[in-house]
N, C-alpha and C. Protein backbone atom coordinates (compact mmCIF):
# COMPACT_ATOMS: atom_id res chain seq x y z
N MET A 1 37.82 -25.62 16.53
CA MET A 1 37.64 -24.26 16.55
C MET A 1 39.15 -23.59 16.57
N LYS A 2 39.16 -22.47 15.83
CA LYS A 2 40.51 -21.82 15.69
C LYS A 2 40.29 -20.47 16.29
N PHE A 3 41.45 -20.12 17.03
CA PHE A 3 41.57 -18.91 17.66
C PHE A 3 42.64 -18.04 16.85
N HIS A 4 42.41 -16.87 16.92
CA HIS A 4 43.37 -15.82 16.31
C HIS A 4 44.68 -16.01 17.19
N THR A 5 45.75 -16.11 16.55
CA THR A 5 47.03 -16.39 17.37
C THR A 5 47.35 -15.33 18.46
N TYR A 6 46.98 -13.98 18.22
CA TYR A 6 47.27 -13.08 19.12
C TYR A 6 46.40 -13.31 20.49
N ARG A 7 45.07 -13.58 20.11
CA ARG A 7 44.04 -13.80 21.35
C ARG A 7 44.56 -15.17 22.14
N ARG A 8 44.93 -16.05 21.30
CA ARG A 8 45.31 -17.33 21.99
C ARG A 8 46.50 -17.24 22.90
N GLY A 9 47.46 -16.44 22.43
CA GLY A 9 48.59 -16.27 23.31
C GLY A 9 48.31 -15.50 24.47
N ARG A 10 47.36 -14.68 24.49
CA ARG A 10 46.91 -14.00 25.81
C ARG A 10 46.14 -14.74 26.67
N MET A 11 45.55 -15.88 26.14
CA MET A 11 44.74 -16.90 27.05
C MET A 11 45.65 -17.96 27.75
N ILE A 12 46.70 -18.35 27.22
CA ILE A 12 47.37 -19.49 27.66
C ILE A 12 47.83 -19.24 29.10
N GLY A 13 47.32 -20.30 30.03
CA GLY A 13 47.78 -20.25 31.37
C GLY A 13 46.92 -19.45 32.29
N ARG A 14 45.85 -18.78 31.82
CA ARG A 14 45.13 -17.87 32.62
C ARG A 14 43.85 -18.63 33.26
N SER A 15 43.27 -17.96 34.18
CA SER A 15 42.00 -18.56 34.67
C SER A 15 40.91 -17.50 34.33
N LEU A 16 39.63 -18.15 34.21
CA LEU A 16 38.36 -17.34 33.77
C LEU A 16 37.35 -17.77 34.61
N PHE A 17 36.50 -16.70 35.14
CA PHE A 17 35.21 -16.97 35.72
C PHE A 17 34.08 -16.60 34.90
N LEU A 18 33.24 -17.61 34.54
CA LEU A 18 32.05 -17.38 33.72
C LEU A 18 30.90 -17.21 34.49
N ILE A 19 29.92 -16.31 34.24
CA ILE A 19 28.70 -16.07 34.98
C ILE A 19 27.61 -16.19 33.91
N ASP A 20 26.60 -17.05 34.29
CA ASP A 20 25.45 -17.29 33.48
C ASP A 20 24.24 -16.88 34.07
N GLY A 21 23.36 -15.87 33.87
CA GLY A 21 22.27 -15.47 34.54
C GLY A 21 21.31 -16.52 34.88
N VAL A 22 20.76 -17.32 33.78
CA VAL A 22 19.83 -18.40 33.95
C VAL A 22 20.37 -19.56 33.15
N MET A 23 20.52 -20.68 33.81
CA MET A 23 21.05 -21.84 33.06
C MET A 23 19.70 -22.59 32.73
N THR A 24 19.49 -23.00 31.40
CA THR A 24 18.39 -23.74 30.98
C THR A 24 18.98 -25.22 30.87
N SER A 25 19.49 -25.53 29.66
CA SER A 25 19.97 -26.95 29.47
C SER A 25 21.53 -27.15 29.84
N GLY A 26 22.11 -25.90 29.98
CA GLY A 26 23.57 -25.94 30.24
C GLY A 26 24.45 -26.08 28.95
N ALA A 27 23.85 -26.15 27.90
CA ALA A 27 24.52 -26.22 26.63
C ALA A 27 25.45 -24.94 26.40
N ALA A 28 24.92 -23.80 26.48
CA ALA A 28 25.81 -22.62 26.33
C ALA A 28 26.97 -22.51 27.27
N LEU A 29 26.75 -22.84 28.44
CA LEU A 29 27.82 -22.96 29.51
C LEU A 29 28.95 -23.96 29.13
N ALA A 30 28.54 -25.03 28.66
CA ALA A 30 29.29 -26.13 28.27
C ALA A 30 30.23 -25.70 27.04
N ALA A 31 29.46 -25.02 26.07
CA ALA A 31 30.16 -24.68 24.93
C ALA A 31 31.14 -23.55 25.24
N ALA A 32 30.88 -22.53 26.05
CA ALA A 32 31.78 -21.54 26.46
C ALA A 32 32.96 -22.19 27.10
N THR A 33 32.78 -23.06 28.14
CA THR A 33 33.91 -23.67 28.68
C THR A 33 34.71 -24.50 27.81
N GLU A 34 34.14 -25.16 26.93
CA GLU A 34 34.91 -25.92 25.82
C GLU A 34 35.80 -25.02 25.14
N ALA A 35 35.31 -23.88 24.64
CA ALA A 35 36.02 -22.79 23.96
C ALA A 35 37.22 -22.35 24.82
N CYS A 36 37.01 -22.19 25.95
CA CYS A 36 38.13 -21.69 26.85
C CYS A 36 39.25 -22.70 27.03
N TYR A 37 38.89 -24.00 27.07
CA TYR A 37 40.04 -25.00 27.14
C TYR A 37 40.63 -25.23 25.86
N VAL A 38 39.84 -24.93 24.70
CA VAL A 38 40.59 -25.04 23.43
C VAL A 38 41.49 -23.87 23.28
N GLY A 39 41.24 -22.73 23.89
CA GLY A 39 42.17 -21.54 23.99
C GLY A 39 43.32 -21.78 24.98
N GLU A 40 43.38 -23.00 25.64
CA GLU A 40 44.49 -23.28 26.51
C GLU A 40 44.38 -22.40 27.89
N LEU A 41 43.23 -22.05 28.31
CA LEU A 41 43.17 -21.48 29.74
C LEU A 41 43.58 -22.70 30.68
N ASP A 42 44.13 -22.13 31.81
CA ASP A 42 44.57 -23.06 32.90
C ASP A 42 43.37 -23.59 33.60
N HIS A 43 42.46 -22.66 33.95
CA HIS A 43 41.41 -23.05 34.88
C HIS A 43 39.95 -22.24 34.36
N VAL A 44 38.80 -22.93 34.47
CA VAL A 44 37.59 -22.24 34.27
C VAL A 44 36.60 -22.49 35.29
N SER A 45 36.06 -21.50 35.91
CA SER A 45 35.05 -21.59 37.00
C SER A 45 33.84 -20.99 36.51
N ALA A 46 32.66 -21.52 36.93
CA ALA A 46 31.37 -20.98 36.46
C ALA A 46 30.45 -20.78 37.64
N LEU A 47 29.48 -19.80 37.55
CA LEU A 47 28.55 -19.52 38.47
C LEU A 47 27.31 -19.24 37.69
N THR A 48 26.16 -19.90 38.22
CA THR A 48 24.91 -19.69 37.54
C THR A 48 24.03 -19.06 38.64
N LEU A 49 23.25 -17.95 38.32
CA LEU A 49 22.44 -17.21 39.26
C LEU A 49 21.11 -17.91 39.43
N ALA A 50 20.56 -18.55 38.41
CA ALA A 50 19.43 -19.31 38.56
C ALA A 50 19.21 -20.53 37.45
N ARG A 51 18.44 -21.43 37.95
CA ARG A 51 18.28 -22.62 37.00
C ARG A 51 16.88 -22.62 36.57
N ALA A 52 16.55 -22.81 35.18
CA ALA A 52 15.24 -22.93 34.73
C ALA A 52 14.69 -24.28 35.20
N ALA A 53 13.41 -24.37 35.64
CA ALA A 53 12.81 -25.65 35.94
C ALA A 53 12.50 -26.53 34.71
N LYS A 54 12.56 -27.77 34.90
CA LYS A 54 12.27 -28.64 33.73
C LYS A 54 10.71 -28.91 33.90
N ASP A 55 10.23 -28.91 32.49
CA ASP A 55 8.84 -29.14 32.38
C ASP A 55 8.55 -30.66 32.80
N THR A 56 7.47 -30.84 33.68
CA THR A 56 7.01 -32.17 34.16
C THR A 56 5.84 -32.58 33.47
């Protein structure tokens, strides 16, 4: 994944707090976190407000 040089420079060494309303499989949250680390953020925290129940 490539970042625009200007945006990447603004992200290096910063922290980010992600909020996900409803987590289903967690794939979207994992992809967002991975993108943040590719952008060289120093720390990423996440909060999920609810989790979808798995079908049984």
